Amino acid sequence: FLLLLLAIAAVPGSLVPQRGVDARAVEAYFLEHPKSAPTLDKLGF
């Protein structure tokens, strides 16, 4: 179950740009999604 949960937890890392991989893409995401981006940031996405 934990192995499955780990795979599910890794899904947002494929859908949302990561600061450690492409910080410019994260900045662009904040510009394109000004409402949802701060919430996702607080959740660690």
PDB file of all heavy atoms in Angstrom:
ATOM      1  N   PHE A   1       0.834  -1.206   0.000  1.00  0.00           N
ATOM      2  CA  PHE A   1       0.000   0.000   0.000  1.00  0.00           C
ATOM      3  C   PHE A   1       0.872   1.260   0.000  1.00  0.00           C
ATOM      4  O   PHE A   1       0.591   2.221  -0.731  1.00  0.00           O
ATOM      5  CB  PHE A   1      -0.920  -0.006   1.220  1.00  0.00           C
ATOM      6  CG  PHE A   1      -1.674   1.278   1.416  1.00  0.00           C
ATOM      7  CD1 PHE A   1      -2.759   1.590   0.612  1.00  0.00           C
ATOM      8  CD2 PHE A   1      -1.278   2.185   2.392  1.00  0.00           C
ATOM      9  CE1 PHE A   1      -3.446   2.789   0.784  1.00  0.00           C
ATOM     10  CE2 PHE A   1      -1.960   3.376   2.572  1.00  0.00           C
ATOM     11  CZ  PHE A   1      -3.047   3.673   1.760  1.00  0.00           C
ATOM     12  N   LEU A   2       1.943   1.262   0.803  1.00  0.00           N
ATOM     13  CA  LEU A   2       2.827   2.425   0.848  1.00  0.00           C
ATOM     14  C   LEU A   2       3.571   2.610  -0.474  1.00  0.00           C
ATOM     15  O   LEU A   2       3.819   3.751  -0.899  1.00  0.00           O
ATOM     16  CB  LEU A   2       3.823   2.276   2.001  1.00  0.00           C
ATOM     17  CG  LEU A   2       3.239   2.416   3.411  1.00  0.00           C
ATOM     18  CD1 LEU A   2       4.283   2.054   4.456  1.00  0.00           C
ATOM     19  CD2 LEU A   2       2.750   3.846   3.648  1.00  0.00           C
ATOM     20  N   LEU A   3       3.923   1.500  -1.113  1.00  0.00           N
ATOM     21  CA  LEU A   3       4.583   1.596  -2.421  1.00  0.00           C
ATOM     22  C   LEU A   3       3.638   2.229  -3.452  1.00  0.00           C
ATOM     23  O   LEU A   3       4.044   3.090  -4.241  1.00  0.00           O
ATOM     24  CB  LEU A   3       5.020   0.213  -2.883  1.00  0.00           C
ATOM     25  CG  LEU A   3       5.899   0.142  -4.137  1.00  0.00           C
ATOM     26  CD1 LEU A   3       7.199   0.903  -3.928  1.00  0.00           C
ATOM     27  CD2 LEU A   3       6.192  -1.314  -4.493  1.00  0.00           C
ATOM     28  N   LEU A   4       2.366   1.834  -3.405  1.00  0.00           N
ATOM     29  CA  LEU A   4       1.371   2.437  -4.292  1.00  0.00           C
ATOM     30  C   LEU A   4       1.169   3.908  -3.947  1.00  0.00           C
ATOM     31  O   LEU A   4       1.074   4.766  -4.837  1.00  0.00           O
ATOM     32  CB  LEU A   4       0.053   1.673  -4.176  1.00  0.00           C
ATOM     33  CG  LEU A   4      -1.140   2.243  -4.971  1.00  0.00           C
ATOM     34  CD1 LEU A   4      -0.839   2.220  -6.462  1.00  0.00           C
ATOM     35  CD2 LEU A   4      -2.411   1.452  -4.663  1.00  0.00           C
ATOM     36  N   LEU A   5       1.125   4.211  -2.645  1.00  0.00           N
ATOM     37  CA  LEU A   5       0.936   5.590  -2.215  1.00  0.00           C
ATOM     38  C   LEU A   5       2.111   6.464  -2.639  1.00  0.00           C
ATOM     39  O   LEU A   5       1.930   7.632  -3.029  1.00  0.00           O
ATOM     40  CB  LEU A   5       0.762   5.634  -0.693  1.00  0.00           C
ATOM     41  CG  LEU A   5       0.365   6.981  -0.076  1.00  0.00           C
ATOM     42  CD1 LEU A   5      -0.977   7.437  -0.624  1.00  0.00           C
ATOM     43  CD2 LEU A   5       0.307   6.876   1.447  1.00  0.00           C
ATOM     44  N   LEU A   6       3.322   5.904  -2.602  1.00  0.00           N
ATOM     45  CA  LEU A   6       4.503   6.655  -3.035  1.00  0.00           C
ATOM     46  C   LEU A   6       4.429   6.967  -4.530  1.00  0.00           C
ATOM     47  O   LEU A   6       4.779   8.074  -4.959  1.00  0.00           O
ATOM     48  CB  LEU A   6       5.769   5.856  -2.724  1.00  0.00           C
ATOM     49  CG  LEU A   6       7.099   6.579  -2.961  1.00  0.00           C
ATOM     50  CD1 LEU A   6       7.293   7.670  -1.923  1.00  0.00           C
ATOM     51  CD2 LEU A   6       8.267   5.600  -2.915  1.00  0.00           C
ATOM     52  N   ALA A   7       3.963   5.996  -5.316  1.00  0.00           N
ATOM     53  CA  ALA A   7       3.811   6.229  -6.758  1.00  0.00           C
ATOM     54  C   ALA A   7       2.775   7.312  -7.030  1.00  0.00           C
ATOM     55  O   ALA A   7       2.965   8.182  -7.884  1.00  0.00           O
ATOM     56  CB  ALA A   7       3.419   4.921  -7.450  1.00  0.00           C
ATOM     57  N   ILE A   8       1.675   7.298  -6.264  1.00  0.00           N
ATOM     58  CA  ILE A   8       0.642   8.323  -6.438  1.00  0.00           C
ATOM     59  C   ILE A   8       1.178   9.690  -6.004  1.00  0.00           C
ATOM     60  O   ILE A   8       0.921  10.712  -6.651  1.00  0.00           O
ATOM     61  CB  ILE A   8      -0.615   7.951  -5.637  1.00  0.00           C
ATOM     62  CG1 ILE A   8      -1.235   6.661  -6.204  1.00  0.00           C
ATOM     63  CG2 ILE A   8      -1.635   9.082  -5.649  1.00  0.00           C
ATOM     64  CD1 ILE A   8      -2.390   6.125  -5.385  1.00  0.00           C
ATOM     65  N   ALA A   9       1.947   9.712  -4.909  1.00  0.00           N
ATOM     66  CA  ALA A   9       2.494  10.979  -4.412  1.00  0.00           C
ATOM     67  C   ALA A   9       3.480  11.591  -5.391  1.00  0.00           C
ATOM     68  O   ALA A   9       3.688  12.811  -5.389  1.00  0.00           O
ATOM     69  CB  ALA A   9       3.169  10.757  -3.052  1.00  0.00           C
ATOM     70  N   ALA A  10       4.095  10.762  -6.230  1.00  0.00           N
ATOM     71  CA  ALA A  10       5.069  11.279  -7.202  1.00  0.00           C
ATOM     72  C   ALA A  10       4.403  11.861  -8.445  1.00  0.00           C
ATOM     73  O   ALA A  10       5.070  12.543  -9.224  1.00  0.00           O
ATOM     74  CB  ALA A  10       6.036  10.160  -7.614  1.00  0.00           C
ATOM     75  N   VAL A  11       3.109  11.617  -8.619  1.00  0.00           N
ATOM     76  CA  VAL A  11       2.410  12.098  -9.823  1.00  0.00           C
ATOM     77  C   VAL A  11       2.464  13.618  -9.959  1.00  0.00           C
ATOM     78  O   VAL A  11       2.740  14.136 -11.049  1.00  0.00           O
ATOM     79  CB  VAL A  11       0.952  11.586  -9.835  1.00  0.00           C
ATOM     80  CG1 VAL A  11       0.145  12.267 -10.937  1.00  0.00           C
ATOM     81  CG2 VAL A  11       0.933  10.077 -10.027  1.00  0.00           C
ATOM     82  N   PRO A  12       2.205  14.402  -8.875  1.00  0.00           N
ATOM     83  CA  PRO A  12       2.284  15.864  -9.031  1.00  0.00           C
ATOM     84  C   PRO A  12       3.644  16.348  -9.523  1.00  0.00           C
ATOM     85  O   PRO A  12       3.730  17.378 -10.192  1.00  0.00           O
ATOM     86  CB  PRO A  12       1.993  16.386  -7.615  1.00  0.00           C
ATOM     87  CG  PRO A  12       1.202  15.310  -6.971  1.00  0.00           C
ATOM     88  CD  PRO A  12       1.739  14.036  -7.531  1.00  0.00           C
ATOM     89  N   GLY A  13       4.695  15.618  -9.208  1.00  0.00           N
ATOM     90  CA  GLY A  13       6.021  16.004  -9.676  1.00  0.00           C
ATOM     91  C   GLY A  13       6.171  15.901 -11.180  1.00  0.00           C
ATOM     92  O   GLY A  13       7.059  16.529 -11.762  1.00  0.00           O
ATOM     93  N   SER A  14       5.306  15.102 -11.829  1.00  0.00           N
ATOM     94  CA  SER A  14       5.328  14.997 -13.283  1.00  0.00           C
ATOM     95  C   SER A  14       4.393  15.994 -13.944  1.00  0.00           C
ATOM     96  O   SER A  14       4.594  16.351 -15.110  1.00  0.00           O
ATOM     97  CB  SER A  14       4.930  13.572 -13.705  1.00  0.00           C
ATOM     98  OG  SER A  14       5.792  12.618 -13.132  1.00  0.00           O
ATOM     99  N   LEU A  15       3.392  16.446 -13.209  1.00  0.00           N
ATOM    100  CA  LEU A  15       2.387  17.345 -13.783  1.00  0.00           C
ATOM    101  C   LEU A  15       2.694  18.817 -13.533  1.00  0.00           C
ATOM    102  O   LEU A  15       2.299  19.672 -14.329  1.00  0.00           O
ATOM    103  CB  LEU A  15       1.007  17.010 -13.200  1.00  0.00           C
ATOM    104  CG  LEU A  15       0.507  15.579 -13.430  1.00  0.00           C
ATOM    105  CD1 LEU A  15      -0.833  15.383 -12.751  1.00  0.00           C
ATOM    106  CD2 LEU A  15       0.407  15.270 -14.907  1.00  0.00           C
ATOM    107  N   VAL A  16       3.391  19.102 -12.435  1.00  0.00           N
ATOM    108  CA  VAL A  16       3.670  20.489 -12.045  1.00  0.00           C
ATOM    109  C   VAL A  16       5.174  20.705 -12.111  1.00  0.00           C
ATOM    110  O   VAL A  16       5.951  19.845 -11.673  1.00  0.00           O
ATOM    111  CB  VAL A  16       3.148  20.766 -10.611  1.00  0.00           C
ATOM    112  CG1 VAL A  16       3.421  22.206 -10.208  1.00  0.00           C
ATOM    113  CG2 VAL A  16       1.655  20.477 -10.528  1.00  0.00           C
ATOM    114  N   PRO A  17       5.653  21.827 -12.665  1.00  0.00           N
ATOM    115  CA  PRO A  17       7.106  22.074 -12.725  1.00  0.00           C
ATOM    116  C   PRO A  17       7.720  22.125 -11.332  1.00  0.00           C
ATOM    117  O   PRO A  17       7.091  22.585 -10.380  1.00  0.00           O
ATOM    118  CB  PRO A  17       7.212  23.424 -13.441  1.00  0.00           C
ATOM    119  CG  PRO A  17       5.869  24.065 -13.286  1.00  0.00           C
ATOM    120  CD  PRO A  17       4.878  22.946 -13.251  1.00  0.00           C
ATOM    121  N   GLN A  18       8.955  21.636 -11.227  1.00  0.00           N
ATOM    122  CA  GLN A  18       9.644  21.561  -9.948  1.00  0.00           C
ATOM    123  C   GLN A  18      10.775  22.591  -9.883  1.00  0.00           C
ATOM    124  O   GLN A  18      11.511  22.771 -10.850  1.00  0.00           O
ATOM    125  CB  GLN A  18      10.218  20.153  -9.746  1.00  0.00           C
ATOM    126  CG  GLN A  18       9.166  19.054  -9.781  1.00  0.00           C
ATOM    127  CD  GLN A  18       8.187  19.154  -8.639  1.00  0.00           C
ATOM    128  OE1 GLN A  18       8.539  18.981  -7.480  1.00  0.00           O
ATOM    129  NE2 GLN A  18       6.931  19.446  -8.965  1.00  0.00           N
ATOM    130  N   ARG A  19      10.896  23.238  -8.735  1.00  0.00           N
ATOM    131  CA  ARG A  19      11.928  24.272  -8.579  1.00  0.00           C
ATOM    132  C   ARG A  19      13.325  23.701  -8.763  1.00  0.00           C
ATOM    133  O   ARG A  19      14.203  24.360  -9.313  1.00  0.00           O
ATOM    134  CB  ARG A  19      11.805  24.914  -7.191  1.00  0.00           C
ATOM    135  CG  ARG A  19      10.683  25.926  -7.087  1.00  0.00           C
ATOM    136  CD  ARG A  19      10.849  26.816  -5.870  1.00  0.00           C
ATOM    137  NE  ARG A  19       9.819  27.847  -5.844  1.00  0.00           N
ATOM    138  CZ  ARG A  19       8.655  27.744  -5.229  1.00  0.00           C
ATOM    139  NH1 ARG A  19       8.376  26.603  -4.587  1.00  0.00           N
ATOM    140  NH2 ARG A  19       7.780  28.712  -5.246  1.00  0.00           N
ATOM    141  N   GLY A  20      13.543  22.504  -8.288  1.00  0.00           N
ATOM    142  CA  GLY A  20      14.868  21.921  -8.412  1.00  0.00           C
ATOM    143  C   GLY A  20      15.229  21.491  -9.813  1.00  0.00           C
ATOM    144  O   GLY A  20      16.381  21.209 -10.104  1.00  0.00           O
ATOM    145  N   VAL A  21      14.241  21.453 -10.710  1.00  0.00           N
ATOM    146  CA  VAL A  21      14.474  21.017 -12.085  1.00  0.00           C
ATOM    147  C   VAL A  21      14.444  22.190 -13.048  1.00  0.00           C
ATOM    148  O   VAL A  21      15.335  22.361 -13.883  1.00  0.00           O
ATOM    149  CB  VAL A  21      13.431  19.954 -12.503  1.00  0.00           C
ATOM    150  CG1 VAL A  21      13.639  19.541 -13.953  1.00  0.00           C
ATOM    151  CG2 VAL A  21      13.512  18.748 -11.583  1.00  0.00           C
ATOM    152  N   ASP A  22      13.411  23.034 -12.940  1.00  0.00           N
ATOM    153  CA  ASP A  22      13.265  24.159 -13.872  1.00  0.00           C
ATOM    154  C   ASP A  22      12.574  25.307 -13.145  1.00  0.00           C
ATOM    155  O   ASP A  22      11.343  25.413 -13.138  1.00  0.00           O
ATOM    156  CB  ASP A  22      12.454  23.730 -15.092  1.00  0.00           C
ATOM    157  CG  ASP A  22      12.552  24.743 -16.231  1.00  0.00           C
ATOM    158  OD1 ASP A  22      12.987  25.877 -15.973  1.00  0.00           O
ATOM    159  OD2 ASP A  22      12.177  24.401 -17.376  1.00  0.00           O
ATOM    160  N   ALA A  23      13.381  26.153 -12.511  1.00  0.00           N
ATOM    161  CA  ALA A  23      12.823  27.267 -11.738  1.00  0.00           C
ATOM    162  C   ALA A  23      12.097  28.259 -12.634  1.00  0.00           C
ATOM    163  O   ALA A  23      11.108  28.888 -12.215  1.00  0.00           O
ATOM    164  CB  ALA A  23      13.934  27.971 -10.955  1.00  0.00           C
ATOM    165  N   ARG A  24      12.561  28.422 -13.876  1.00  0.00           N
ATOM    166  CA  ARG A  24      11.895  29.361 -14.792  1.00  0.00           C
ATOM    167  C   ARG A  24      10.478  28.886 -15.114  1.00  0.00           C
ATOM    168  O   ARG A  24       9.561  29.684 -15.244  1.00  0.00           O
ATOM    169  CB  ARG A  24      12.713  29.516 -16.071  1.00  0.00           C
ATOM    170  CG  ARG A  24      14.018  30.255 -15.876  1.00  0.00           C
ATOM    171  CD  ARG A  24      14.739  30.463 -17.196  1.00  0.00           C
ATOM    172  NE  ARG A  24      15.224  29.204 -17.741  1.00  0.00           N
ATOM    173  CZ  ARG A  24      14.674  28.559 -18.757  1.00  0.00           C
ATOM    174  NH1 ARG A  24      13.604  29.045 -19.336  1.00  0.00           N
ATOM    175  NH2 ARG A  24      15.194  27.420 -19.203  1.00  0.00           N
ATOM    176  N   ALA A  25      10.299  27.588 -15.245  1.00  0.00           N
ATOM    177  CA  ALA A  25       8.968  27.054 -15.512  1.00  0.00           C
ATOM    178  C   ALA A  25       8.035  27.298 -14.330  1.00  0.00           C
ATOM    179  O   ALA A  25       6.836  27.537 -14.516  1.00  0.00           O
ATOM    180  CB  ALA A  25       9.052  25.560 -15.824  1.00  0.00           C
ATOM    181  N   VAL A  26       8.582  27.252 -13.116  1.00  0.00           N
ATOM    182  CA  VAL A  26       7.774  27.550 -11.934  1.00  0.00           C
ATOM    183  C   VAL A  26       7.339  29.014 -11.947  1.00  0.00           C
ATOM    184  O   VAL A  26       6.181  29.344 -11.657  1.00  0.00           O
ATOM    185  CB  VAL A  26       8.555  27.217 -10.642  1.00  0.00           C
ATOM    186  CG1 VAL A  26       7.761  27.638  -9.411  1.00  0.00           C
ATOM    187  CG2 VAL A  26       8.867  25.728 -10.586  1.00  0.00           C
ATOM    188  N   GLU A  27       8.268  29.913 -12.280  1.00  0.00           N
ATOM    189  CA  GLU A  27       7.925  31.330 -12.369  1.00  0.00           C
ATOM    190  C   GLU A  27       6.834  31.563 -13.418  1.00  0.00           C
ATOM    191  O   GLU A  27       5.879  32.328 -13.191  1.00  0.00           O
ATOM    192  CB  GLU A  27       9.165  32.152 -12.716  1.00  0.00           C
ATOM    193  CG  GLU A  27      10.224  32.164 -11.625  1.00  0.00           C
ATOM    194  CD  GLU A  27      11.468  32.925 -12.041  1.00  0.00           C
ATOM    195  OE1 GLU A  27      11.517  33.411 -13.190  1.00  0.00           O
ATOM    196  OE2 GLU A  27      12.390  33.033 -11.226  1.00  0.00           O
ATOM    197  N   ALA A  28       6.957  30.892 -14.544  1.00  0.00           N
ATOM    198  CA  ALA A  28       5.949  31.033 -15.593  1.00  0.00           C
ATOM    199  C   ALA A  28       4.603  30.479 -15.131  1.00  0.00           C
ATOM    200  O   ALA A  28       3.550  31.040 -15.457  1.00  0.00           O
ATOM    201  CB  ALA A  28       6.408  30.313 -16.857  1.00  0.00           C
ATOM    202  N   TYR A  29       4.626  29.407 -14.349  1.00  0.00           N
ATOM    203  CA  TYR A  29       3.382  28.830 -13.836  1.00  0.00           C
ATOM    204  C   TYR A  29       2.678  29.812 -12.903  1.00  0.00           C
ATOM    205  O   TYR A  29       1.450  29.943 -12.941  1.00  0.00           O
ATOM    206  CB  TYR A  29       3.683  27.520 -13.100  1.00  0.00           C
ATOM    207  CG  TYR A  29       2.450  26.707 -12.772  1.00  0.00           C
ATOM    208  CD1 TYR A  29       2.022  25.709 -13.633  1.00  0.00           C
ATOM    209  CD2 TYR A  29       1.721  26.932 -11.606  1.00  0.00           C
ATOM    210  CE1 TYR A  29       0.890  24.951 -13.344  1.00  0.00           C
ATOM    211  CE2 TYR A  29       0.598  26.195 -11.306  1.00  0.00           C
ATOM    212  CZ  TYR A  29       0.177  25.200 -12.179  1.00  0.00           C
ATOM    213  OH  TYR A  29      -0.944  24.468 -11.884  1.00  0.00           O
ATOM    214  N   PHE A  30       3.443  30.524 -12.079  1.00  0.00           N
ATOM    215  CA  PHE A  30       2.856  31.519 -11.187  1.00  0.00           C
ATOM    216  C   PHE A  30       2.209  32.648 -11.995  1.00  0.00           C
ATOM    217  O   PHE A  30       1.151  33.170 -11.606  1.00  0.00           O
ATOM    218  CB  PHE A  30       3.925  32.080 -10.250  1.00  0.00           C
ATOM    219  CG  PHE A  30       4.039  31.343  -8.952  1.00  0.00           C
ATOM    220  CD1 PHE A  30       4.772  30.157  -8.875  1.00  0.00           C
ATOM    221  CD2 PHE A  30       3.431  31.809  -7.803  1.00  0.00           C
ATOM    222  CE1 PHE A  30       4.880  29.473  -7.683  1.00  0.00           C
ATOM    223  CE2 PHE A  30       3.532  31.123  -6.602  1.00  0.00           C
ATOM    224  CZ  PHE A  30       4.262  29.945  -6.535  1.00  0.00           C
ATOM    225  N   LEU A  31       2.843  33.035 -13.108  1.00  0.00           N
ATOM    226  CA  LEU A  31       2.270  34.099 -13.936  1.00  0.00           C
ATOM    227  C   LEU A  31       0.996  33.638 -14.636  1.00  0.00           C
ATOM    228  O   LEU A  31       0.042  34.406 -14.791  1.00  0.00           O
ATOM    229  CB  LEU A  31       3.297  34.558 -14.967  1.00  0.00           C
ATOM    230  CG  LEU A  31       4.549  35.264 -14.405  1.00  0.00           C
ATOM    231  CD1 LEU A  31       5.539  35.552 -15.525  1.00  0.00           C
ATOM    232  CD2 LEU A  31       4.168  36.560 -13.685  1.00  0.00           C
ATOM    233  N   GLU A  32       0.962  32.374 -15.061  1.00  0.00           N
ATOM    234  CA  GLU A  32      -0.194  31.859 -15.783  1.00  0.00           C
ATOM    235  C   GLU A  32      -1.332  31.442 -14.861  1.00  0.00           C
ATOM    236  O   GLU A  32      -2.494  31.441 -15.271  1.00  0.00           O
ATOM    237  CB  GLU A  32       0.233  30.663 -16.645  1.00  0.00           C
ATOM    238  CG  GLU A  32       1.229  31.021 -17.742  1.00  0.00           C
ATOM    239  CD  GLU A  32       1.760  29.789 -18.449  1.00  0.00           C
ATOM    240  OE1 GLU A  32       1.321  28.669 -18.091  1.00  0.00           O
ATOM    241  OE2 GLU A  32       2.614  29.938 -19.350  1.00  0.00           O
ATOM    242  N   HIS A  33      -1.009  31.067 -13.617  1.00  0.00           N
ATOM    243  CA  HIS A  33      -2.037  30.608 -12.670  1.00  0.00           C
ATOM    244  C   HIS A  33      -1.879  31.363 -11.347  1.00  0.00           C
ATOM    245  O   HIS A  33      -1.462  30.782 -10.329  1.00  0.00           O
ATOM    246  CB  HIS A  33      -1.924  29.106 -12.444  1.00  0.00           C
ATOM    247  CG  HIS A  33      -1.946  28.290 -13.692  1.00  0.00           C
ATOM    248  ND1 HIS A  33      -0.806  28.037 -14.434  1.00  0.00           N
ATOM    249  CD2 HIS A  33      -2.976  27.685 -14.343  1.00  0.00           C
ATOM    250  CE1 HIS A  33      -1.134  27.288 -15.472  1.00  0.00           C
ATOM    251  NE2 HIS A  33      -2.434  27.064 -15.451  1.00  0.00           N
ATOM    252  N   PRO A  34      -2.149  32.662 -11.341  1.00  0.00           N
ATOM    253  CA  PRO A  34      -1.906  33.467 -10.129  1.00  0.00           C
ATOM    254  C   PRO A  34      -2.760  33.065  -8.937  1.00  0.00           C
ATOM    255  O   PRO A  34      -2.397  33.364  -7.787  1.00  0.00           O
ATOM    256  CB  PRO A  34      -2.246  34.885 -10.592  1.00  0.00           C
ATOM    257  CG  PRO A  34      -3.158  34.704 -11.763  1.00  0.00           C
ATOM    258  CD  PRO A  34      -2.731  33.449 -12.431  1.00  0.00           C
ATOM    259  N   LYS A  35      -3.895  32.404  -9.152  1.00  0.00           N
ATOM    260  CA  LYS A  35      -4.781  32.036  -8.041  1.00  0.00           C
ATOM    261  C   LYS A  35      -4.415  30.687  -7.434  1.00  0.00           C
ATOM    262  O   LYS A  35      -4.365  30.546  -6.207  1.00  0.00           O
ATOM    263  CB  LYS A  35      -6.237  32.014  -8.518  1.00  0.00           C
ATOM    264  CG  LYS A  35      -6.770  33.388  -8.911  1.00  0.00           C
ATOM    265  CD  LYS A  35      -8.235  33.299  -9.298  1.00  0.00           C
ATOM    266  CE  LYS A  35      -8.791  34.685  -9.652  1.00  0.00           C
ATOM    267  NZ  LYS A  35     -10.222  34.620 -10.041  1.00  0.00           N
ATOM    268  N   SER A  36      -4.197  29.702  -8.276  1.00  0.00           N
ATOM    269  CA  SER A  36      -3.935  28.352  -7.757  1.00  0.00           C
ATOM    270  C   SER A  36      -2.478  28.129  -7.364  1.00  0.00           C
ATOM    271  O   SER A  36      -2.189  27.304  -6.492  1.00  0.00           O
ATOM    272  CB  SER A  36      -4.334  27.312  -8.803  1.00  0.00           C
ATOM    273  OG  SER A  36      -3.578  27.473 -10.000  1.00  0.00           O
ATOM    274  N   ALA A  37      -1.533  28.852  -7.993  1.00  0.00           N
ATOM    275  CA  ALA A  37      -0.111  28.609  -7.735  1.00  0.00           C
ATOM    276  C   ALA A  37       0.279  28.803  -6.270  1.00  0.00           C
ATOM    277  O   ALA A  37       0.993  27.961  -5.711  1.00  0.00           O
ATOM    278  CB  ALA A  37       0.745  29.500  -8.640  1.00  0.00           C
ATOM    279  N   PRO A  38      -0.152  29.886  -5.577  1.00  0.00           N
ATOM    280  CA  PRO A  38       0.232  30.035  -4.161  1.00  0.00           C
ATOM    281  C   PRO A  38      -0.269  28.886  -3.283  1.00  0.00           C
ATOM    282  O   PRO A  38       0.432  28.438  -2.366  1.00  0.00           O
ATOM    283  CB  PRO A  38      -0.432  31.360  -3.765  1.00  0.00           C
ATOM    284  CG  PRO A  38      -0.560  32.121  -5.044  1.00  0.00           C
ATOM    285  CD  PRO A  38      -0.857  31.089  -6.073  1.00  0.00           C
ATOM    286  N   THR A  39      -1.476  28.382  -3.572  1.00  0.00           N
ATOM    287  CA  THR A  39      -2.001  27.258  -2.792  1.00  0.00           C
ATOM    288  C   THR A  39      -1.175  26.002  -3.030  1.00  0.00           C
ATOM    289  O   THR A  39      -0.829  25.277  -2.076  1.00  0.00           O
ATOM    290  CB  THR A  39      -3.468  26.994  -3.169  1.00  0.00           C
ATOM    291  OG1 THR A  39      -4.233  28.176  -2.943  1.00  0.00           O
ATOM    292  CG2 THR A  39      -4.041  25.868  -2.327  1.00  0.00           C
ATOM    293  N   LEU A  40      -0.863  25.736  -4.292  1.00  0.00           N
ATOM    294  CA  LEU A  40      -0.032  24.576  -4.609  1.00  0.00           C
ATOM    295  C   LEU A  40       1.350  24.696  -3.974  1.00  0.00           C
ATOM    296  O   LEU A  40       1.930  23.698  -3.536  1.00  0.00           O
ATOM    297  CB  LEU A  40       0.101  24.418  -6.124  1.00  0.00           C
ATOM    298  CG  LEU A  40      -1.179  24.072  -6.896  1.00  0.00           C
ATOM    299  CD1 LEU A  40      -0.901  24.029  -8.389  1.00  0.00           C
ATOM    300  CD2 LEU A  40      -1.742  22.730  -6.424  1.00  0.00           C
ATOM    301  N   ASP A  41       1.862  25.914  -3.913  1.00  0.00           N
ATOM    302  CA  ASP A  41       3.178  26.138  -3.312  1.00  0.00           C
ATOM    303  C   ASP A  41       3.156  25.810  -1.824  1.00  0.00           C
ATOM    304  O   ASP A  41       4.095  25.203  -1.289  1.00  0.00           O
ATOM    305  CB  ASP A  41       3.608  27.588  -3.540  1.00  0.00           C
ATOM    306  CG  ASP A  41       5.086  27.801  -3.269  1.00  0.00           C
ATOM    307  OD1 ASP A  41       5.845  26.804  -3.283  1.00  0.00           O
ATOM    308  OD2 ASP A  41       5.493  28.950  -3.040  1.00  0.00           O
ATOM    309  N   LYS A  42       2.079  26.203  -1.140  1.00  0.00           N
ATOM    310  CA  LYS A  42       1.974  25.900   0.294  1.00  0.00           C
ATOM    311  C   LYS A  42       1.883  24.388   0.536  1.00  0.00           C
ATOM    312  O   LYS A  42       2.348  23.892   1.564  1.00  0.00           O
ATOM    313  CB  LYS A  42       0.747  26.592   0.876  1.00  0.00           C
ATOM    314  CG  LYS A  42       0.874  28.112   0.949  1.00  0.00           C
ATOM    315  CD  LYS A  42      -0.392  28.737   1.532  1.00  0.00           C
ATOM    316  CE  LYS A  42      -0.270  30.262   1.585  1.00  0.00           C
ATOM    317  NZ  LYS A  42      -1.502  30.902   2.123  1.00  0.00           N
ATOM    318  N   LEU A  43       1.289  23.688  -0.407  1.00  0.00           N
ATOM    319  CA  LEU A  43       1.161  22.235  -0.280  1.00  0.00           C
ATOM    320  C   LEU A  43       2.428  21.496  -0.702  1.00  0.00           C
ATOM    321  O   LEU A  43       2.489  20.270  -0.578  1.00  0.00           O
ATOM    322  CB  LEU A  43      -0.019  21.740  -1.119  1.00  0.00           C
ATOM    323  CG  LEU A  43      -1.408  22.226  -0.682  1.00  0.00           C
ATOM    324  CD1 LEU A  43      -2.470  21.772  -1.678  1.00  0.00           C
ATOM    325  CD2 LEU A  43      -1.737  21.720   0.716  1.00  0.00           C
ATOM    326  N   GLY A  44       3.409  22.238  -1.216  1.00  0.00           N
ATOM    327  CA  GLY A  44       4.678  21.615  -1.596  1.00  0.00           C
ATOM    328  C   GLY A  44       4.681  20.983  -2.966  1.00  0.00           C
ATOM    329  O   GLY A  44       5.534  20.137  -3.266  1.00  0.00           O
ATOM    330  N   PHE A  45       3.748  21.381  -3.841  1.00  0.00           N
ATOM    331  CA  PHE A  45       3.659  20.748  -5.148  1.00  0.00           C
ATOM    332  C   PHE A  45       4.790  21.159  -6.084  1.00  0.00           C
ATOM    333  O   PHE A  45       5.015  20.495  -7.099  1.00  0.00           O
ATOM    334  CB  PHE A  45       2.311  21.079  -5.794  1.00  0.00           C
ATOM    335  CG  PHE A  45       1.205  20.156  -5.356  1.00  0.00           C
ATOM    336  CD1 PHE A  45       0.981  19.900  -4.019  1.00  0.00           C
ATOM    337  CD2 PHE A  45       0.394  19.526  -6.287  1.00  0.00           C
ATOM    338  CE1 PHE A  45      -0.017  19.045  -3.605  1.00  0.00           C
ATOM    339  CE2 PHE A  45      -0.616  18.673  -5.887  1.00  0.00           C
ATOM    340  CZ  PHE A  45      -0.825  18.430  -4.538  1.00  0.00           C
TER     341      PHE A  45
END
